[in-house]
C-alpha atoms as a PDB file:
ATOM      1  CA  MET A   1       4.255  25.349 -83.461  1.00  0.00           C
ATOM      2  CA  GLU A   2       1.288  27.327 -82.416  1.00  0.00           C
ATOM      3  CA  PRO A   3      -2.109  25.974 -83.551  1.00  0.00           C
ATOM      4  CA  ILE A   4      -3.970  27.878 -86.172  1.00  0.00           C
ATOM      5  CA  GLY A   5      -6.331  30.209 -84.426  1.00  0.00           C
ATOM      6  CA  GLY A   6      -4.306  30.072 -81.209  1.00  0.00           C
ATOM      7  CA  SER A   7      -3.452  33.723 -81.619  1.00  0.00           C
ATOM      8  CA  LEU A   8      -4.086  36.568 -84.074  1.00  0.00           C
ATOM      9  CA  ARG A   9      -0.692  36.106 -85.719  1.00  0.00           C
ATOM     10  CA  THR A  10      -1.607  32.580 -86.813  1.00  0.00           C
ATOM     11  CA  VAL A  11      -4.478  33.820 -88.959  1.00  0.00           C
ATOM     12  CA  ALA A  12      -3.437  37.329 -90.002  1.00  0.00           C
ATOM     13  CA  ASP A  13      -0.510  39.653 -90.533  1.00  0.00           C
ATOM     14  CA  ALA A  14      -0.679  42.855 -88.622  1.00  0.00           C
ATOM     15  CA  GLU A  15       1.342  46.008 -88.483  1.00  0.00           C
ATOM     16  CA  VAL A  16       1.024  48.627 -85.723  1.00  0.00           C
ATOM     17  CA  ARG A  17       0.790  52.119 -87.157  1.00  0.00           C
ATOM     18  CA  LEU A  18       0.200  55.368 -85.370  1.00  0.00           C
ATOM     19  CA  VAL A  19      -2.969  57.259 -86.362  1.00  0.00           C
ATOM     20  CA  ALA A  20      -0.898  60.266 -87.363  1.00  0.00           C
ATOM     21  CA  HIS A  21       1.643  58.158 -89.227  1.00  0.00           C
ATOM     22  CA  ASP A  22       1.618  60.296 -92.367  1.00  0.00           C
ATOM     23  CA  ARG A  23       1.777  63.564 -90.356  1.00  0.00           C
ATOM     24  CA  LEU A  24       4.151  62.493 -87.609  1.00  0.00           C
ATOM     25  CA  LYS A  25       7.199  64.292 -89.004  1.00  0.00           C
ATOM     26  CA  PHE A  26       5.207  67.508 -89.308  1.00  0.00           C
ATOM     27  CA  ILE A  27       3.880  67.192 -85.763  1.00  0.00           C
ATOM     28  CA  VAL A  28       7.361  66.829 -84.353  1.00  0.00           C
ATOM     29  CA  GLU A  29       8.581  69.732 -86.459  1.00  0.00           C
ATOM     30  CA  ALA A  30       5.722  71.884 -85.146  1.00  0.00           C
ATOM     31  CA  ILE A  31       6.622  70.991 -81.579  1.00  0.00           C
ATOM     32  CA  ASP A  32      10.276  71.777 -82.260  1.00  0.00           C
ATOM     33  CA  ARG A  33       9.229  75.281 -83.506  1.00  0.00           C
ATOM     34  CA  LEU A  34       7.419  76.135 -80.241  1.00  0.00           C
ATOM     35  CA  PRO A  35       9.313  78.703 -78.129  1.00  0.00           C
ATOM     36  CA  HIS A  36       9.617  76.369 -75.163  1.00  0.00           C
ATOM     37  CA  SER A  37       9.277  72.994 -76.848  1.00  0.00           C
ATOM     38  CA  GLU A  38      10.940  71.039 -74.062  1.00  0.00           C
ATOM     39  CA  ASP A  39       8.623  72.552 -71.412  1.00  0.00           C
ATOM     40  CA  PHE A  40       5.644  71.696 -73.667  1.00  0.00           C
ATOM     41  CA  LEU A  41       6.770  68.104 -73.916  1.00  0.00           C
ATOM     42  CA  ALA A  42       7.496  67.902 -70.194  1.00  0.00           C
ATOM     43  CA  ARG A  43       3.789  68.661 -69.568  1.00  0.00           C
ATOM     44  CA  LEU A  44       2.954  65.661 -71.787  1.00  0.00           C
ATOM     45  CA  THR A  45       5.314  63.110 -70.154  1.00  0.00           C
ATOM     46  CA  VAL A  46       2.547  60.972 -68.660  1.00  0.00           C
ATOM     47  CA  HIS A  47       0.486  61.054 -71.822  1.00  0.00           C
ATOM     48  CA  LEU A  48       3.532  60.177 -74.004  1.00  0.00           C
ATOM     49  CA  GLY A  49       4.244  57.239 -71.710  1.00  0.00           C
ATOM     50  CA  GLU A  50       0.693  56.097 -72.030  1.00  0.00           C
ATOM     51  CA  MET A  51       0.853  56.317 -75.826  1.00  0.00           C
ATOM     52  CA  LEU A  52       3.995  54.260 -75.867  1.00  0.00           C
ATOM     53  CA  GLU A  53       2.395  51.671 -73.644  1.00  0.00           C
ATOM     54  CA  ARG A  54      -0.688  51.504 -75.934  1.00  0.00           C
ATOM     55  CA  ALA A  55       1.558  50.989 -78.919  1.00  0.00           C
ATOM     56  CA  LEU A  56       3.309  48.154 -77.105  1.00  0.00           C
ATOM     57  CA  GLU A  57      -0.069  46.638 -76.081  1.00  0.00           C
ATOM     58  CA  LEU A  58      -1.068  46.595 -79.743  1.00  0.00           C
ATOM     59  CA  HIS A  59       2.221  44.909 -80.582  1.00  0.00           C
ATOM     60  CA  SER A  60       1.448  42.426 -77.798  1.00  0.00           C
ATOM     61  CA  THR A  61      -1.984  41.710 -79.291  1.00  0.00           C
ATOM     62  CA  VAL A  62      -0.260  40.507 -82.457  1.00  0.00           C
ATOM     63  CA  SER A  63       2.444  38.567 -80.519  1.00  0.00           C
ATOM     64  CA  GLN A  64       5.153  41.158 -81.182  1.00  0.00           C
ATOM     65  CA  ALA A  65       5.798  42.301 -77.632  1.00  0.00           C
ATOM     66  CA  ASN A  66       5.925  40.913 -74.109  1.00  0.00           C
ATOM     67  CA  SER A  67       8.057  41.316 -71.012  1.00  0.00           C
ATOM     68  CA  ASP A  68      11.130  39.674 -72.625  1.00  0.00           C
ATOM     69  CA  PHE A  69      10.993  41.080 -76.114  1.00  0.00           C
ATOM     70  CA  ASP A  70       9.540  43.970 -78.130  1.00  0.00           C
ATOM     71  CA  TYR A  71      10.672  45.666 -81.327  1.00  0.00           C
ATOM     72  CA  SER A  72      12.142  48.588 -79.393  1.00  0.00           C
ATOM     73  CA  VAL A  73      15.472  46.641 -79.417  1.00  0.00           C
ATOM     74  CA  ILE A  74      15.469  46.789 -83.197  1.00  0.00           C
ATOM     75  CA  ASP A  75      13.505  49.988 -83.912  1.00  0.00           C
ATOM     76  CA  ARG A  76      15.276  51.924 -81.179  1.00  0.00           C
ATOM     77  CA  PRO A  77      18.652  50.403 -80.437  1.00  0.00           C
ATOM     78  CA  SER A  78      19.619  53.216 -78.085  1.00  0.00           C
ATOM     79  CA  ILE A  79      16.934  54.760 -75.848  1.00  0.00           C
ATOM     80  CA  GLN A  80      19.034  57.884 -75.669  1.00  0.00           C
ATOM     81  CA  PRO A  81      19.376  59.906 -78.872  1.00  0.00           C
ATOM     82  CA  HIS A  82      22.142  58.297 -80.972  1.00  0.00           C
ATOM     83  CA  ASP A  83      23.173  58.028 -84.601  1.00  0.00           C
ATOM     84  CA  GLN A  84      22.177  54.378 -84.709  1.00  0.00           C
ATOM     85  CA  ASN A  85      18.526  55.261 -84.143  1.00  0.00           C
ATOM     86  CA  HIS A  86      16.878  55.570 -87.529  1.00  0.00           C
ATOM     87  CA  ASN A  87      13.168  55.213 -86.543  1.00  0.00           C
ATOM     88  CA  PHE A  88      12.508  52.743 -89.317  1.00  0.00           C
ATOM     89  CA  ARG A  89       9.092  52.209 -87.822  1.00  0.00           C
ATOM     90  CA  GLU A  90       7.163  55.310 -87.008  1.00  0.00           C
ATOM     91  CA  TRP A  91       6.250  54.389 -83.449  1.00  0.00           C
ATOM     92  CA  ALA A  92       9.894  54.611 -82.422  1.00  0.00           C
ATOM     93  CA  VAL A  93       9.730  58.427 -82.581  1.00  0.00           C
ATOM     94  CA  MET A  94       7.688  58.206 -79.380  1.00  0.00           C
ATOM     95  CA  PHE A  95      11.002  57.401 -77.620  1.00  0.00           C
ATOM     96  CA  ASP A  96      12.455  60.696 -78.867  1.00  0.00           C
ATOM     97  CA  LEU A  97       9.527  62.693 -77.513  1.00  0.00           C
ATOM     98  CA  LEU A  98       9.302  60.769 -74.263  1.00  0.00           C
ATOM     99  CA  TRP A  99      13.011  61.027 -73.685  1.00  0.00           C
ATOM    100  CA  ARG A 100      13.026  64.821 -74.329  1.00  0.00           C
ATOM    101  CA  ALA A 101      10.061  65.239 -72.050  1.00  0.00           C
ATOM    102  CA  TRP A 102      11.599  63.216 -69.261  1.00  0.00           C
ATOM    103  CA  ARG A 103      14.987  64.972 -69.503  1.00  0.00           C
ATOM    104  CA  GLN A 104      13.219  68.306 -68.977  1.00  0.00           C
ATOM    105  CA  VAL A 105      11.364  66.901 -65.992  1.00  0.00           C
ATOM    106  CA  ASP A 106      14.570  65.392 -64.597  1.00  0.00           C
ATOM    107  CA  ALA A 107      16.348  68.741 -64.859  1.00  0.00           C
ATOM    108  CA  SER A 108      13.623  70.668 -63.076  1.00  0.00           C
ATOM    109  CA  SER A 109      12.234  68.250 -60.464  1.00  0.00           C
ATOM    110  CA  GLY A 110      14.081  65.240 -59.119  1.00  0.00           C
ATOM    111  CA  VAL A 111      10.883  64.171 -57.265  1.00  0.00           C
ATOM    112  CA  GLU A 112       8.776  64.164 -60.444  1.00  0.00           C
ATOM    113  CA  SER A 113      11.556  62.424 -62.368  1.00  0.00           C
ATOM    114  CA  ARG A 114      11.859  59.701 -59.795  1.00  0.00           C
ATOM    115  CA  ALA A 115       8.029  59.207 -59.780  1.00  0.00           C
ATOM    116  CA  LEU A 116       8.002  58.879 -63.573  1.00  0.00           C
ATOM    117  CA  VAL A 117      10.798  56.311 -63.556  1.00  0.00           C
ATOM    118  CA  GLN A 118       9.058  54.437 -60.772  1.00  0.00           C
ATOM    119  CA  HIS A 119       5.930  54.387 -62.902  1.00  0.00           C
ATOM    120  CA  TRP A 120       7.888  53.007 -65.848  1.00  0.00           C
ATOM    121  CA  ARG A 121       9.351  50.300 -63.593  1.00  0.00           C
ATOM    122  CA  GLN A 122       5.825  49.011 -63.028  1.00  0.00           C
ATOM    123  CA  ARG A 123       5.173  48.588 -66.791  1.00  0.00           C
ATOM    124  CA  THR A 124       5.560  45.105 -68.169  1.00  0.00           C
ATOM    125  CA  PHE A 125       7.209  45.723 -71.500  1.00  0.00           C
ATOM    126  CA  LEU A 126      10.965  45.508 -72.172  1.00  0.00           C
ATOM    127  CA  ALA A 127      10.931  48.983 -73.722  1.00  0.00           C
ATOM    128  CA  PHE A 128      10.061  50.421 -70.331  1.00  0.00           C
ATOM    129  CA  ARG A 129      12.810  48.494 -68.562  1.00  0.00           C
ATOM    130  CA  ARG A 130      15.195  49.927 -71.154  1.00  0.00           C
ATOM    131  CA  LEU A 131      13.829  53.461 -70.500  1.00  0.00           C
ATOM    132  CA  VAL A 132      14.360  52.985 -66.796  1.00  0.00           C
ATOM    133  CA  ILE A 133      17.993  51.884 -67.216  1.00  0.00           C
ATOM    134  CA  ALA A 134      18.762  54.734 -69.612  1.00  0.00           C
ATOM    135  CA  ALA A 135      17.105  57.321 -67.404  1.00  0.00           C
ATOM    136  CA  MET A 136      18.787  56.169 -64.190  1.00  0.00           C
ATOM    137  CA  THR A 137      22.139  56.038 -66.009  1.00  0.00           C
ATOM    138  CA  VAL A 138      22.093  59.723 -66.923  1.00  0.00           C
ATOM    139  CA  SER A 139      20.114  61.220 -64.020  1.00  0.00           C
ATOM    140  CA  PRO A 140      21.789  62.633 -60.923  1.00  0.00           C
ATOM    141  CA  ASN A 141      18.499  62.036 -59.036  1.00  0.00           C
ATOM    142  CA  PHE A 142      19.242  58.307 -58.340  1.00  0.00           C
ATOM    143  CA  THR A 143      21.787  56.843 -55.996  1.00  0.00           C
ATOM    144  CA  THR A 144      24.421  54.365 -57.057  1.00  0.00           C
ATOM    145  CA  ALA A 145      22.666  51.711 -55.000  1.00  0.00           C
ATOM    146  CA  GLU A 146      19.385  52.306 -56.774  1.00  0.00           C
ATOM    147  CA  LYS A 147      21.072  52.097 -60.183  1.00  0.00           C
ATOM    148  CA  ILE A 148      22.732  48.792 -59.235  1.00  0.00           C
ATOM    149  CA  GLU A 149      19.454  47.449 -57.995  1.00  0.00           C
ATOM    150  CA  VAL A 150      17.782  48.179 -61.309  1.00  0.00           C
ATOM    151  CA  LEU A 151      20.626  46.656 -63.260  1.00  0.00           C
ATOM    152  CA  LEU A 152      20.444  43.434 -61.185  1.00  0.00           C
ATOM    153  CA  ASP A 153      16.672  43.279 -61.699  1.00  0.00           C
ATOM    154  CA  ALA A 154      17.030  43.665 -65.477  1.00  0.00           C
END
């Protein structure tokens, strides 16, 4: 048992919420209405990844995320779009946006796609390892040997 005061979670309950939590659905709908929404998202790939990392850092602050566990396994069972993803917690929608952005980058530039995935590999949170595995699984821009290496490192 952790001593009281040993971490934030021993003295307070905390919930990570996005600033735009009550407008998030409308923001995503507005993006979807753009004439070239996937291109728009592709320009935001780095920023979307940084936002996801910040959300995970906040989860880490309240002892809800580390390199071995984060709520992405519950809140986003499949990194790729899938019927089992219900986005019970609002921050999980960031996976949808980041995945869509990365898919557009992957389709247009293998070099940029590989650089993004390499950047994700350097992140400490489990959610990013899951992103890397999902991305490398569907992308033609990685060799079989690279895919096996990532799986063995996971």
